[in-house]
PDB file of N, CA and C in Angstrom:
ATOM      1  N   MET A   1       7.157 -10.471  19.129  1.00  0.00           N
ATOM      2  CA  MET A   1       5.744 -11.233  19.960  1.00  0.00           C
ATOM      3  C   MET A   1       4.529 -10.090  19.139  1.00  0.00           C
ATOM      4  N   THR A   2       3.209 -10.232  18.941  1.00  0.00           N
ATOM      5  CA  THR A   2       2.235 -10.821  18.309  1.00  0.00           C
ATOM      6  C   THR A   2       1.380  -9.948  19.524  1.00  0.00           C
ATOM      7  N   LYS A   3       0.839  -8.555  19.324  1.00  0.00           N
ATOM      8  CA  LYS A   3      -0.714  -7.847  20.033  1.00  0.00           C
ATOM      9  C   LYS A   3      -1.303  -9.035  20.121  1.00  0.00           C
ATOM     10  N   ASP A   4      -1.489  -9.582  19.272  1.00  0.00           N
ATOM     11  CA  ASP A   4      -2.538 -10.864  20.017  1.00  0.00           C
ATOM     12  C   ASP A   4      -1.775 -11.449  21.555  1.00  0.00           C
ATOM     13  N   GLU A   5      -0.158 -12.185  21.497  1.00  0.00           N
ATOM     14  CA  GLU A   5       0.049 -13.022  22.475  1.00  0.00           C
ATOM     15  C   GLU A   5       0.284 -11.707  23.259  1.00  0.00           C
ATOM     16  N   LEU A   6       0.752 -10.075  23.022  1.00  0.00           N
ATOM     17  CA  LEU A   6       0.594  -9.416  24.019  1.00  0.00           C
ATOM     18  C   LEU A   6      -0.579  -9.296  24.777  1.00  0.00           C
ATOM     19  N   VAL A   7      -1.152  -9.104  24.512  1.00  0.00           N
ATOM     20  CA  VAL A   7      -2.707  -8.653  25.086  1.00  0.00           C
ATOM     21  C   VAL A   7      -3.213 -10.549  26.480  1.00  0.00           C
ATOM     22  N   ASN A   8      -2.618 -10.849  25.444  1.00  0.00           N
ATOM     23  CA  ASN A   8      -3.715 -12.533  26.173  1.00  0.00           C
ATOM     24  C   ASN A   8      -2.221 -12.352  27.696  1.00  0.00           C
ATOM     25  N   SER A   9      -1.545 -12.679  27.295  1.00  0.00           N
ATOM     26  CA  SER A   9      -1.015 -12.779  28.888  1.00  0.00           C
ATOM     27  C   SER A   9      -0.585 -12.047  29.510  1.00  0.00           C
ATOM     28  N   LEU A  10      -1.253 -10.488  29.740  1.00  0.00           N
ATOM     29  CA  LEU A  10      -1.464  -9.408  30.240  1.00  0.00           C
ATOM     30  C   LEU A  10      -3.166  -9.378  30.975  1.00  0.00           C
ATOM     31  N   GLN A  11      -4.155  -9.916  30.195  1.00  0.00           N
ATOM     32  CA  GLN A  11      -4.839 -10.281  30.267  1.00  0.00           C
ATOM     33  C   GLN A  11      -5.460 -11.056  31.860  1.00  0.00           C
ATOM     34  N   LYS A  12      -3.702 -12.231  31.840  1.00  0.00           N
ATOM     35  CA  LYS A  12      -3.640 -13.388  33.039  1.00  0.00           C
ATOM     36  C   LYS A  12      -4.093 -12.348  34.132  1.00  0.00           C
ATOM     37  N   ARG A  13      -3.241 -11.382  33.921  1.00  0.00           N
ATOM     38  CA  ARG A  13      -2.649 -10.752  35.001  1.00  0.00           C
ATOM     39  C   ARG A  13      -2.937  -8.910  35.730  1.00  0.00           C
ATOM     40  N   ASP A  14      -3.833  -8.979  34.257  1.00  0.00           N
ATOM     41  CA  ASP A  14      -4.793  -7.345  35.060  1.00  0.00           C
ATOM     42  C   ASP A  14      -5.350  -6.201  33.616  1.00  0.00           C
ATOM     43  N   PRO A  15      -6.601  -7.605  33.857  1.00  0.00           N
ATOM     44  CA  PRO A  15      -7.121  -6.932  32.810  1.00  0.00           C
ATOM     45  C   PRO A  15      -8.139  -5.674  31.531  1.00  0.00           C
ATOM     46  N   LEU A  16      -7.660  -4.519  33.206  1.00  0.00           N
ATOM     47  CA  LEU A  16      -7.565  -3.749  32.402  1.00  0.00           C
ATOM     48  C   LEU A  16      -6.920  -2.544  31.605  1.00  0.00           C
ATOM     49  N   LEU A  17      -5.455  -2.940  31.918  1.00  0.00           N
ATOM     50  CA  LEU A  17      -4.526  -2.870  31.060  1.00  0.00           C
ATOM     51  C   LEU A  17      -4.778  -3.605  30.036  1.00  0.00           C
ATOM     52  N   ALA A  18      -4.813  -4.657  31.025  1.00  0.00           N
ATOM     53  CA  ALA A  18      -4.384  -5.322  28.054  1.00  0.00           C
ATOM     54  C   ALA A  18      -5.403  -4.928  27.949  1.00  0.00           C
ATOM     55  N   ASN A  19      -6.561  -4.350  27.369  1.00  0.00           N
ATOM     56  CA  ASN A  19      -7.564  -2.976  27.859  1.00  0.00           C
ATOM     57  C   ASN A  19      -7.051  -2.076  26.961  1.00  0.00           C
ATOM     58  N   ALA A  20      -6.509  -1.457  27.831  1.00  0.00           N
ATOM     59  CA  ALA A  20      -5.500   0.105  27.499  1.00  0.00           C
ATOM     60  C   ALA A  20      -4.784  -0.711  26.622  1.00  0.00           C
ATOM     61  N   VAL A  21      -3.947  -0.793  26.218  1.00  0.00           N
ATOM     62  CA  VAL A  21      -2.660  -1.481  25.985  1.00  0.00           C
ATOM     63  C   VAL A  21      -3.041  -1.937  24.429  1.00  0.00           C
ATOM     64  N   SER A  22      -4.329  -2.578  24.266  1.00  0.00           N
ATOM     65  CA  SER A  22      -5.031  -2.935  23.013  1.00  0.00           C
ATOM     66  C   SER A  22      -5.584  -1.893  21.673  1.00  0.00           C
ATOM     67  N   ASN A  23      -6.053  -1.113  23.049  1.00  0.00           N
ATOM     68  CA  ASN A  23      -6.648  -0.285  22.044  1.00  0.00           C
ATOM     69  C   ASN A  23      -6.040   0.343  22.075  1.00  0.00           C
ATOM     70  N   MET A  24      -5.054   1.722  22.445  1.00  0.00           N
ATOM     71  CA  MET A  24      -3.827   2.515  22.316  1.00  0.00           C
ATOM     72  C   MET A  24      -3.163   1.577  21.363  1.00  0.00           C
ATOM     73  N   VAL A  25      -2.590   0.503  21.671  1.00  0.00           N
ATOM     74  CA  VAL A  25      -1.924   0.087  19.981  1.00  0.00           C
ATOM     75  C   VAL A  25      -2.082  -0.284  18.958  1.00  0.00           C
ATOM     76  N   ASP A  26      -3.834  -0.569  19.012  1.00  0.00           N
ATOM     77  CA  ASP A  26      -4.446  -0.233  17.297  1.00  0.00           C
ATOM     78  C   ASP A  26      -4.551   1.003  16.844  1.00  0.00           C
ATOM     79  N   TYR A  27      -4.565   2.225  17.983  1.00  0.00           N
ATOM     80  CA  TYR A  27      -4.815   3.776  17.872  1.00  0.00           C
ATOM     81  C   TYR A  27      -3.381   3.759  16.767  1.00  0.00           C
ATOM     82  N   ILE A  28      -1.938   3.789  17.693  1.00  0.00           N
ATOM     83  CA  ILE A  28      -1.031   3.884  17.047  1.00  0.00           C
ATOM     84  C   ILE A  28      -0.277   3.368  16.206  1.00  0.00           C
ATOM     85  N   SER A  29      -0.504   1.995  15.557  1.00  0.00           N
ATOM     86  CA  SER A  29      -0.167   1.097  14.899  1.00  0.00           C
ATOM     87  C   SER A  29      -1.438   1.887  13.988  1.00  0.00           C
ATOM     88  N   ASP A  30      -2.102   2.106  13.605  1.00  0.00           N
ATOM     89  CA  ASP A  30      -2.949   1.967  12.628  1.00  0.00           C
ATOM     90  C   ASP A  30      -2.395   2.838  11.274  1.00  0.00           C
ATOM     91  N   ARG A  31      -2.425   2.631  10.030  1.00  0.00           N
ATOM     92  CA  ARG A  31      -1.335   2.764   9.807  1.00  0.00           C
ATOM     93  C   ARG A  31      -1.573   5.034   9.118  1.00  0.00           C
ATOM     94  N   PHE A  32      -3.419   5.509   9.186  1.00  0.00           N
ATOM     95  CA  PHE A  32      -3.708   6.580   8.716  1.00  0.00           C
ATOM     96  C   PHE A  32      -4.082   6.702  10.259  1.00  0.00           C
ATOM     97  N   PRO A  33      -3.011   7.250  11.025  1.00  0.00           N
ATOM     98  CA  PRO A  33      -4.240   7.251  12.490  1.00  0.00           C
ATOM     99  C   PRO A  33      -4.725   8.755  12.908  1.00  0.00           C
ATOM    100  N   ALA A  34      -5.874   8.079  13.648  1.00  0.00           N
ATOM    101  CA  ALA A  34      -6.202  10.430  13.738  1.00  0.00           C
ATOM    102  C   ALA A  34      -5.949  10.760  14.641  1.00  0.00           C
ATOM    103  N   ALA A  35      -6.678  12.471  14.634  1.00  0.00           N
ATOM    104  CA  ALA A  35      -5.509  13.683  15.264  1.00  0.00           C
ATOM    105  C   ALA A  35      -5.339  13.143  16.636  1.00  0.00           C
ATOM    106  N   TYR A  36      -6.807  11.799  16.611  1.00  0.00           N
ATOM    107  CA  TYR A  36      -7.183  12.331  18.480  1.00  0.00           C
ATOM    108  C   TYR A  36      -7.766  10.172  18.357  1.00  0.00           C
ATOM    109  N   PRO A  37      -6.991   9.814  19.441  1.00  0.00           N
ATOM    110  CA  PRO A  37      -7.856   8.686  20.254  1.00  0.00           C
ATOM    111  C   PRO A  37      -9.191   8.315  19.590  1.00  0.00           C
ATOM    112  N   SER A  38      -9.986   7.330  19.676  1.00  0.00           N
ATOM    113  CA  SER A  38     -11.383   7.467  19.908  1.00  0.00           C
ATOM    114  C   SER A  38     -11.887   7.491  21.593  1.00  0.00           C
ATOM    115  N   LYS A  39     -13.241   7.611  21.325  1.00  0.00           N
ATOM    116  CA  LYS A  39     -13.815   7.287  23.000  1.00  0.00           C
ATOM    117  C   LYS A  39     -13.713   5.940  23.439  1.00  0.00           C
ATOM    118  N   GLU A  40     -13.680   5.646  22.910  1.00  0.00           N
ATOM    119  CA  GLU A  40     -13.671   4.257  23.547  1.00  0.00           C
ATOM    120  C   GLU A  40     -11.993   3.150  24.020  1.00  0.00           C
ATOM    121  N   GLN A  41     -11.293   4.339  22.965  1.00  0.00           N
ATOM    122  CA  GLN A  41      -9.873   4.089  23.638  1.00  0.00           C
ATOM    123  C   GLN A  41     -10.093   4.887  24.771  1.00  0.00           C
ATOM    124  N   THR A  42     -10.362   6.183  24.969  1.00  0.00           N
ATOM    125  CA  THR A  42      -9.354   7.565  26.167  1.00  0.00           C
ATOM    126  C   THR A  42     -10.609   6.403  27.108  1.00  0.00           C
ATOM    127  N   GLU A  43     -11.714   6.181  27.157  1.00  0.00           N
ATOM    128  CA  GLU A  43     -12.130   5.298  28.226  1.00  0.00           C
ATOM    129  C   GLU A  43     -11.188   4.509  28.752  1.00  0.00           C
ATOM    130  N   ALA A  44     -10.743   3.484  28.270  1.00  0.00           N
ATOM    131  CA  ALA A  44     -10.040   1.995  28.274  1.00  0.00           C
ATOM    132  C   ALA A  44      -8.512   2.329  28.658  1.00  0.00           C
ATOM    133  N   VAL A  45      -8.431   2.975  28.119  1.00  0.00           N
ATOM    134  CA  VAL A  45      -7.081   4.556  29.738  1.00  0.00           C
ATOM    135  C   VAL A  45      -7.650   4.907  30.181  1.00  0.00           C
ATOM    136  N   ASN A  46      -8.568   5.563  30.635  1.00  0.00           N
ATOM    137  CA  ASN A  46      -9.092   5.970  31.708  1.00  0.00           C
ATOM    138  C   ASN A  46      -9.737   5.195  32.526  1.00  0.00           C
ATOM    139  N   ASN A  47      -9.702   4.301  31.766  1.00  0.00           N
ATOM    140  CA  ASN A  47     -10.532   3.078  33.305  1.00  0.00           C
ATOM    141  C   ASN A  47      -9.269   2.168  34.384  1.00  0.00           C
ATOM    142  N   TYR A  48      -7.839   2.427  33.009  1.00  0.00           N
ATOM    143  CA  TYR A  48      -6.886   1.435  33.609  1.00  0.00           C
ATOM    144  C   TYR A  48      -6.257   2.487  34.538  1.00  0.00           C
ATOM    145  N   LEU A  49      -6.114   4.075  34.754  1.00  0.00           N
ATOM    146  CA  LEU A  49      -5.558   4.795  35.189  1.00  0.00           C
ATOM    147  C   LEU A  49      -6.536   4.944  37.277  1.00  0.00           C
ATOM    148  N   HIS A  50      -8.016   4.711  36.023  1.00  0.00           N
ATOM    149  CA  HIS A  50      -8.286   4.715  37.291  1.00  0.00           C
ATOM    150  C   HIS A  50      -8.947   3.969  38.528  1.00  0.00           C
ATOM    151  N   SER A  51      -7.527   2.740  37.929  1.00  0.00           N
ATOM    152  CA  SER A  51      -7.327   2.071  39.282  1.00  0.00           C
ATOM    153  C   SER A  51      -6.485   1.404  39.378  1.00  0.00           C
ATOM    154  N   VAL A  52      -5.964   2.636  39.390  1.00  0.00           N
ATOM    155  CA  VAL A  52      -4.868   2.654  39.484  1.00  0.00           C
ATOM    156  C   VAL A  52      -3.859   4.102  40.451  1.00  0.00           C
ATOM    157  N   TYR A  53      -5.041   5.176  40.488  1.00  0.00           N
ATOM    158  CA  TYR A  53      -4.658   6.243  40.856  1.00  0.00           C
ATOM    159  C   TYR A  53      -6.402   6.684  40.969  1.00  0.00           C
ATOM    160  N   ALA A  54      -7.043   6.158  41.897  1.00  0.00           N
ATOM    161  CA  ALA A  54      -8.221   6.756  41.522  1.00  0.00           C
ATOM    162  C   ALA A  54      -8.940   7.907  42.964  1.00  0.00           C
ATOM    163  N   ASP A  55      -7.994   8.710  43.210  1.00  0.00           N
ATOM    164  CA  ASP A  55      -7.864  10.261  43.259  1.00  0.00           C
ATOM    165  C   ASP A  55      -9.278  10.922  43.517  1.00  0.00           C
ATOM    166  N   GLY A  56      -9.662  11.043  42.403  1.00  0.00           N
ATOM    167  CA  GLY A  56     -11.204  11.745  41.709  1.00  0.00           C
ATOM    168  C   GLY A  56     -10.728  13.297  41.243  1.00  0.00           C
ATOM    169  N   THR A  57      -9.739  13.943  41.822  1.00  0.00           N
ATOM    170  CA  THR A  57     -10.289  14.803  41.562  1.00  0.00           C
ATOM    171  C   THR A  57      -8.554  15.110  40.331  1.00  0.00           C
ATOM    172  N   MET A  58      -8.631  16.926  39.714  1.00  0.00           N
ATOM    173  CA  MET A  58      -8.380  16.921  38.479  1.00  0.00           C
ATOM    174  C   MET A  58      -6.556  17.115  39.390  1.00  0.00           C
ATOM    175  N   SER A  59      -6.121  17.495  40.273  1.00  0.00           N
ATOM    176  CA  SER A  59      -4.925  18.648  40.655  1.00  0.00           C
ATOM    177  C   SER A  59      -4.048  18.199  39.400  1.00  0.00           C
ATOM    178  N   GLU A  60      -2.666  18.631  40.176  1.00  0.00           N
ATOM    179  CA  GLU A  60      -1.964  18.705  39.067  1.00  0.00           C
ATOM    180  C   GLU A  60      -0.660  17.728  40.062  1.00  0.00           C
ATOM    181  N   ARG A  61      -1.321  17.001  41.783  1.00  0.00           N
ATOM    182  CA  ARG A  61      -0.810  16.236  41.768  1.00  0.00           C
ATOM    183  C   ARG A  61      -1.326  14.434  41.442  1.00  0.00           C
ATOM    184  N   SER A  62      -3.025  14.867  41.087  1.00  0.00           N
ATOM    185  CA  SER A  62      -3.550  13.454  41.076  1.00  0.00           C
ATOM    186  C   SER A  62      -3.281  13.247  39.427  1.00  0.00           C
ATOM    187  N   CYS A  63      -2.958  14.112  38.136  1.00  0.00           N
ATOM    188  CA  CYS A  63      -2.868  14.589  36.693  1.00  0.00           C
ATOM    189  C   CYS A  63      -1.137  14.130  37.243  1.00  0.00           C
ATOM    190  N   GLU A  64      -0.009  14.389  37.511  1.00  0.00           N
ATOM    191  CA  GLU A  64       1.289  13.716  37.343  1.00  0.00           C
ATOM    192  C   GLU A  64       1.137  11.988  38.223  1.00  0.00           C
ATOM    193  N   HIS A  65       0.559  11.342  38.362  1.00  0.00           N
ATOM    194  CA  HIS A  65       0.120  10.225  39.269  1.00  0.00           C
ATOM    195  C   HIS A  65      -0.481   9.337  38.039  1.00  0.00           C
ATOM    196  N   ARG A  66      -1.378  10.027  37.651  1.00  0.00           N
ATOM    197  CA  ARG A  66      -1.716   8.935  36.459  1.00  0.00           C
ATOM    198  C   ARG A  66      -0.900   9.900  35.303  1.00  0.00           C
ATOM    199  N   ARG A  67      -0.043  10.320  34.667  1.00  0.00           N
ATOM    200  CA  ARG A  67       0.335  10.577  33.894  1.00  0.00           C
ATOM    201  C   ARG A  67       1.691   8.703  34.348  1.00  0.00           C
ATOM    202  N   MET A  68       2.704   9.046  35.148  1.00  0.00           N
ATOM    203  CA  MET A  68       3.497   7.955  35.974  1.00  0.00           C
ATOM    204  C   MET A  68       2.549   6.760  35.749  1.00  0.00           C
ATOM    205  N   ALA A  69       1.697   6.507  35.965  1.00  0.00           N
ATOM    206  CA  ALA A  69       1.021   5.260  36.221  1.00  0.00           C
ATOM    207  C   ALA A  69       0.590   4.540  34.040  1.00  0.00           C
ATOM    208  N   SER A  70       0.641   5.950  32.919  1.00  0.00           N
ATOM    209  CA  SER A  70       0.563   5.725  32.182  1.00  0.00           C
ATOM    210  C   SER A  70       1.520   5.476  31.588  1.00  0.00           C
ATOM    211  N   GLN A  71       2.628   5.360  31.600  1.00  0.00           N
ATOM    212  CA  GLN A  71       4.044   5.115  31.269  1.00  0.00           C
ATOM    213  C   GLN A  71       4.079   3.454  31.831  1.00  0.00           C
ATOM    214  N   LYS A  72       3.126   2.703  31.974  1.00  0.00           N
ATOM    215  CA  LYS A  72       3.490   1.199  32.502  1.00  0.00           C
ATOM    216  C   LYS A  72       2.510   1.020  31.202  1.00  0.00           C
ATOM    217  N   ILE A  73       1.987   0.787  29.849  1.00  0.00           N
ATOM    218  CA  ILE A  73       1.007   1.149  29.067  1.00  0.00           C
ATOM    219  C   ILE A  73       2.289   1.258  27.813  1.00  0.00           C
ATOM    220  N   THR A  74       3.159   2.596  28.339  1.00  0.00           N
ATOM    221  CA  THR A  74       3.915   1.968  27.458  1.00  0.00           C
ATOM    222  C   THR A  74       5.236   0.906  27.643  1.00  0.00           C
ATOM    223  N   ILE A  75       4.745   0.782  28.828  1.00  0.00           N
ATOM    224  CA  ILE A  75       6.154   0.354  28.918  1.00  0.00           C
ATOM    225  C   ILE A  75       6.200  -1.803  28.559  1.00  0.00           C
ATOM    226  N   ASN A  76       4.606  -1.462  28.914  1.00  0.00           N
ATOM    227  CA  ASN A  76       3.997  -3.293  28.168  1.00  0.00           C
ATOM    228  C   ASN A  76       3.364  -3.330  26.677  1.00  0.00           C
ATOM    229  N   ALA A  77       3.908  -2.102  25.709  1.00  0.00           N
ATOM    230  CA  ALA A  77       3.880  -2.393  23.890  1.00  0.00           C
ATOM    231  C   ALA A  77       5.172  -2.001  24.061  1.00  0.00           C
ATOM    232  N   ILE A  78       6.294  -1.922  24.722  1.00  0.00           N
ATOM    233  CA  ILE A  78       7.532  -1.092  23.392  1.00  0.00           C
ATOM    234  C   ILE A  78       7.989  -3.478  22.978  1.00  0.00           C
ATOM    235  N   GLN A  79       7.318  -4.334  23.092  1.00  0.00           N
ATOM    236  CA  GLN A  79       7.400  -5.252  22.644  1.00  0.00           C
ATOM    237  C   GLN A  79       6.327  -5.657  21.120  1.00  0.00           C
ATOM    238  N   VAL A  80       5.510  -4.685  20.893  1.00  0.00           N
ATOM    239  CA  VAL A  80       5.109  -4.786  19.493  1.00  0.00           C
ATOM    240  C   VAL A  80       4.708  -2.638  18.932  1.00  0.00           C
ATOM    241  N   LEU A  81       5.294  -2.195  19.279  1.00  0.00           N
ATOM    242  CA  LEU A  81       5.587  -1.103  18.893  1.00  0.00           C
ATOM    243  C   LEU A  81       7.135   0.051  18.892  1.00  0.00           C
ATOM    244  N   ASP A  82       7.562   0.401  17.420  1.00  0.00           N
ATOM    245  CA  ASP A  82       8.037   1.023  17.693  1.00  0.00           C
ATOM    246  C   ASP A  82       8.719   1.805  18.115  1.00  0.00           C
ATOM    247  N   SER A  83      10.240   1.639  18.040  1.00  0.00           N
ATOM    248  CA  SER A  83      10.872   4.152  18.839  1.00  0.00           C
ATOM    249  C   SER A  83       9.773   5.246  18.573  1.00  0.00           C
ATOM    250  N   PRO A  84       9.687   4.983  17.792  1.00  0.00           N
ATOM    251  CA  PRO A  84       8.492   6.429  16.832  1.00  0.00           C
ATOM    252  C   PRO A  84       7.347   6.535  17.924  1.00  0.00           C
ATOM    253  N   GLN A  85       6.388   5.587  17.798  1.00  0.00           N
ATOM    254  CA  GLN A  85       5.419   4.795  17.634  1.00  0.00           C
ATOM    255  C   GLN A  85       5.441   4.899  19.815  1.00  0.00           C
ATOM    256  N   LEU A  86       6.206   4.396  19.781  1.00  0.00           N
ATOM    257  CA  LEU A  86       6.154   4.763  21.614  1.00  0.00           C
ATOM    258  C   LEU A  86       6.222   5.531  22.217  1.00  0.00           C
ATOM    259  N   ASP A  87       7.305   6.903  21.563  1.00  0.00           N
ATOM    260  CA  ASP A  87       6.671   8.336  21.471  1.00  0.00           C
ATOM    261  C   ASP A  87       5.063   9.254  21.472  1.00  0.00           C
ATOM    262  N   ARG A  88       5.081   8.503  20.032  1.00  0.00           N
ATOM    263  CA  ARG A  88       3.881   9.250  20.357  1.00  0.00           C
ATOM    264  C   ARG A  88       2.683   7.837  21.141  1.00  0.00           C
ATOM    265  N   LEU A  89       2.637   7.349  21.610  1.00  0.00           N
ATOM    266  CA  LEU A  89       1.746   6.819  21.812  1.00  0.00           C
ATOM    267  C   LEU A  89       2.222   7.186  23.645  1.00  0.00           C
ATOM    268  N   GLN A  90       3.142   7.685  23.994  1.00  0.00           N
ATOM    269  CA  GLN A  90       3.532   7.958  25.093  1.00  0.00           C
ATOM    270  C   GLN A  90       3.079  10.332  25.420  1.00  0.00           C
ATOM    271  N   ARG A  91       3.088  10.241  24.596  1.00  0.00           N
ATOM    272  CA  ARG A  91       2.362  11.709  24.463  1.00  0.00           C
ATOM    273  C   ARG A  91       1.021  11.986  24.505  1.00  0.00           C
ATOM    274  N   VAL A  92       0.313  10.985  23.773  1.00  0.00           N
ATOM    275  CA  VAL A  92      -1.074  11.145  23.607  1.00  0.00           C
ATOM    276  C   VAL A  92      -0.611  10.076  25.798  1.00  0.00           C
ATOM    277  N   LEU A  93      -0.569  10.253  26.021  1.00  0.00           N
ATOM    278  CA  LEU A  93      -0.862   9.460  27.066  1.00  0.00           C
ATOM    279  C   LEU A  93      -1.245  10.147  28.166  1.00  0.00           C
ATOM    280  N   ASP A  94       0.960  11.167  27.913  1.00  0.00           N
ATOM    281  CA  ASP A  94       0.628  11.949  29.140  1.00  0.00           C
ATOM    282  C   ASP A  94      -0.573  12.879  28.560  1.00  0.00           C
ATOM    283  N   HIS A  95      -1.429  13.602  27.298  1.00  0.00           N
ATOM    284  CA  HIS A  95      -2.605  14.465  27.146  1.00  0.00           C
ATOM    285  C   HIS A  95      -4.161  13.737  28.159  1.00  0.00           C
ATOM    286  N   ILE A  96      -4.115  12.474  28.287  1.00  0.00           N
ATOM    287  CA  ILE A  96      -4.618  11.809  28.220  1.00  0.00           C
ATOM    288  C   ILE A  96      -4.670  11.880  30.030  1.00  0.00           C
ATOM    289  N   ALA A  97      -4.113  12.024  30.171  1.00  0.00           N
ATOM    290  CA  ALA A  97      -3.174  11.677  32.041  1.00  0.00           C
ATOM    291  C   ALA A  97      -4.085  13.774  32.567  1.00  0.00           C
ATOM    292  N   TYR A  98      -4.252  14.434  31.966  1.00  0.00           N
ATOM    293  CA  TYR A  98      -4.327  15.629  32.441  1.00  0.00           C
ATOM    294  C   TYR A  98      -5.077  16.228  31.540  1.00  0.00           C
ATOM    295  N   ASP A  99      -5.735  14.844  30.826  1.00  0.00           N
ATOM    296  CA  ASP A  99      -7.239  15.169  29.957  1.00  0.00           C
ATOM    297  C   ASP A  99      -8.420  14.494  30.172  1.00  0.00           C
ATOM    298  N   LYS A 100      -9.212  14.337  31.218  1.00  0.00           N
ATOM    299  CA  LYS A 100     -10.280  12.924  30.978  1.00  0.00           C
ATOM    300  C   LYS A 100     -10.425  12.500  29.263  1.00  0.00           C
ATOM    301  N   GLU A 101     -11.683  13.491  29.087  1.00  0.00           N
ATOM    302  CA  GLU A 101     -11.894  13.997  27.443  1.00  0.00           C
ATOM    303  C   GLU A 101     -11.387  13.791  26.337  1.00  0.00           C
ATOM    304  N   TYR A 102      -9.993  13.736  26.935  1.00  0.00           N
ATOM    305  CA  TYR A 102      -9.066  13.713  25.064  1.00  0.00           C
ATOM    306  C   TYR A 102      -8.939  12.466  24.150  1.00  0.00           C
ATOM    307  N   TYR A 103     -10.431  13.427  22.939  1.00  0.00           N
ATOM    308  CA  TYR A 103     -10.482  12.244  22.142  1.00  0.00           C
ATOM    309  C   TYR A 103     -11.496  12.726  21.225  1.00  0.00           C
ATOM    310  N   MET A 104     -11.689  12.404  20.048  1.00  0.00           N
ATOM    311  CA  MET A 104     -11.763  12.614  19.231  1.00  0.00           C
ATOM    312  C   MET A 104     -13.514  13.103  19.158  1.00  0.00           C
ATOM    313  N   PRO A 105     -13.770  14.299  18.642  1.00  0.00           N
ATOM    314  CA  PRO A 105     -15.256  14.734  19.393  1.00  0.00           C
ATOM    315  C   PRO A 105     -16.313  14.336  18.183  1.00  0.00           C
ATOM    316  N   GLU A 106     -17.228  13.572  18.808  1.00  0.00           N
ATOM    317  CA  GLU A 106     -18.407  12.811  17.827  1.00  0.00           C
ATOM    318  C   GLU A 106     -19.079  14.086  17.455  1.00  0.00           C
ATOM    319  N   ARG A 107     -19.603  13.309  16.281  1.00  0.00           N
ATOM    320  CA  ARG A 107     -20.174  14.163  14.844  1.00  0.00           C
ATOM    321  C   ARG A 107     -21.956  14.667  15.049  1.00  0.00           C
ATOM    322  N   GLY A 108     -22.051  15.923  15.028  1.00  0.00           N
ATOM    323  CA  GLY A 108     -23.813  14.910  15.530  1.00  0.00           C
ATOM    324  C   GLY A 108     -24.575  15.177  14.427  1.00  0.00           C
ATOM    325  N   PHE A 109     -25.646  13.999  13.877  1.00  0.00           N
ATOM    326  CA  PHE A 109     -25.630  13.736  12.589  1.00  0.00           C
ATOM    327  C   PHE A 109     -27.693  14.804  13.103  1.00  0.00           C
ATOM    328  N   GLY A 110     -28.016  15.809  13.030  1.00  0.00           N
ATOM    329  CA  GLY A 110     -28.846  16.623  13.813  1.00  0.00           C
ATOM    330  C   GLY A 110     -29.355  16.579  12.372  1.00  0.00           C
ATOM    331  N   MET A 111     -30.590  18.115  12.676  1.00  0.00           N
ATOM    332  CA  MET A 111     -31.446  18.577  10.977  1.00  0.00           C
ATOM    333  C   MET A 111     -30.276  20.209  10.867  1.00  0.00           C
ATOM    334  N   ARG A 112     -29.641  20.573  10.593  1.00  0.00           N
ATOM    335  CA  ARG A 112     -29.556  22.201  10.313  1.00  0.00           C
ATOM    336  C   ARG A 112     -30.268  22.844   8.966  1.00  0.00           C
ATOM    337  N   ARG A 113     -30.263  23.834   9.359  1.00  0.00           N
ATOM    338  CA  ARG A 113     -30.470  25.242   8.529  1.00  0.00           C
ATOM    339  C   ARG A 113     -29.400  25.840   7.829  1.00  0.00           C
TER     340      ARG A 113
END
């Protein structure tokens, strides 16, 4: 199954999950992935996690619920990623579950002296 087929089938059931899976599969399957996902990719995951568990706090319990919900993204990506990629995906998703702002910092282009 290709990523597009997977996303199309998920889109019918859960659009937020489809968007999160699509963004994270793109990040993980990149030939030379960045050290961190982009802000857009992190926001897609956070939107899905918020739809599943919207406690609003970042307590330990809330983070664990977010981490468990993130496993659904990994489970759906099984069809398009290999084992090392799935391991890396879950590690990144675990970081996002505990830190809503886990993404590549954007560089400012201001005047510098």
